[in-house]
Amino acid sequence: MVKENLQNVIDDMKIACEKSGRNINDVTLIAVSKTKPNELIMEAYESGVRDFGENKVQELLRKKEELPKDIRWHMIGHLQTNKVRQLLGNTVLIHSIDSIRLADTIDTEARKKGIHVDGLLEINIAKEASKYGFLEEELDEILPIFARYKNLHIKGLMTIAPNVEKSEENRKNFKKIKKISVDIIEKNYDNIEVEFLSMGMSGDYTVALEEGANLVRVGTGIFGKR
């Protein structure tokens, strides 16, 4: 099931990339493995997937210990400051930097460990009360703060778009994130690059790809419904 689902996702990604004149090789598919057993994760791994996303620190650490060492683990869920120390050094990318307090903690703990950490700023693009992240209108004030960090490096933006019936409804949100990314590049902030746009999930990843995503997070589309 996983192998077949994965092929369908990749086929859809190729079509979306072709539509927008992009190369699928410039896009990374992150299989969202939260709550999934190791057996299903290994099916995806054996089909070629190496990037997996988790939203709980303890689950990520357990799976990292039990599964192949060449898996690249992504932290995609809300990260509590009291879990930062455990997490650091165990992910390739933290997608969910959603507050200055969290950024301060990551930089401080990374400095103590003598490591560098890459992260994405989570943007609450639809201003949903149930979601974490910075608001678009806060960014001019907040972004210069990241220049002070020596061990945390911002590599792009992430958003979790609203849960909608038709994926097309989220196109406007993905367009906004892309525009924000262009504005950030033009303003040339210290310690902020926009190498990655992490947006799009099982219900809307093709639209996200058409609007510039180069990291897509797909769980249900690969592993089936919980």
Foldseek 3Di string as FASTA:
>chain_A
DLLVLVVVVVVLQCVLQVVQVHDLVLAAEEAAQEPHDPVLVVVVVVSPHQHYEYADQVVLVVCCVVDDVSRAYEHAHDDDLVCLLVRPPRHQEYEEPFDVVSVVSNLVSCVVVVAAYEYAFEEAQVPDPVDGGHYPVCCVVPQLVQLPGDRYAYAAHEYEFDDDPALVVCLVSLLVRLVSLVVCVVVPHHRHHHSAYEYEEQRHNSSNVSSPGRYYYYYCSRRNDD
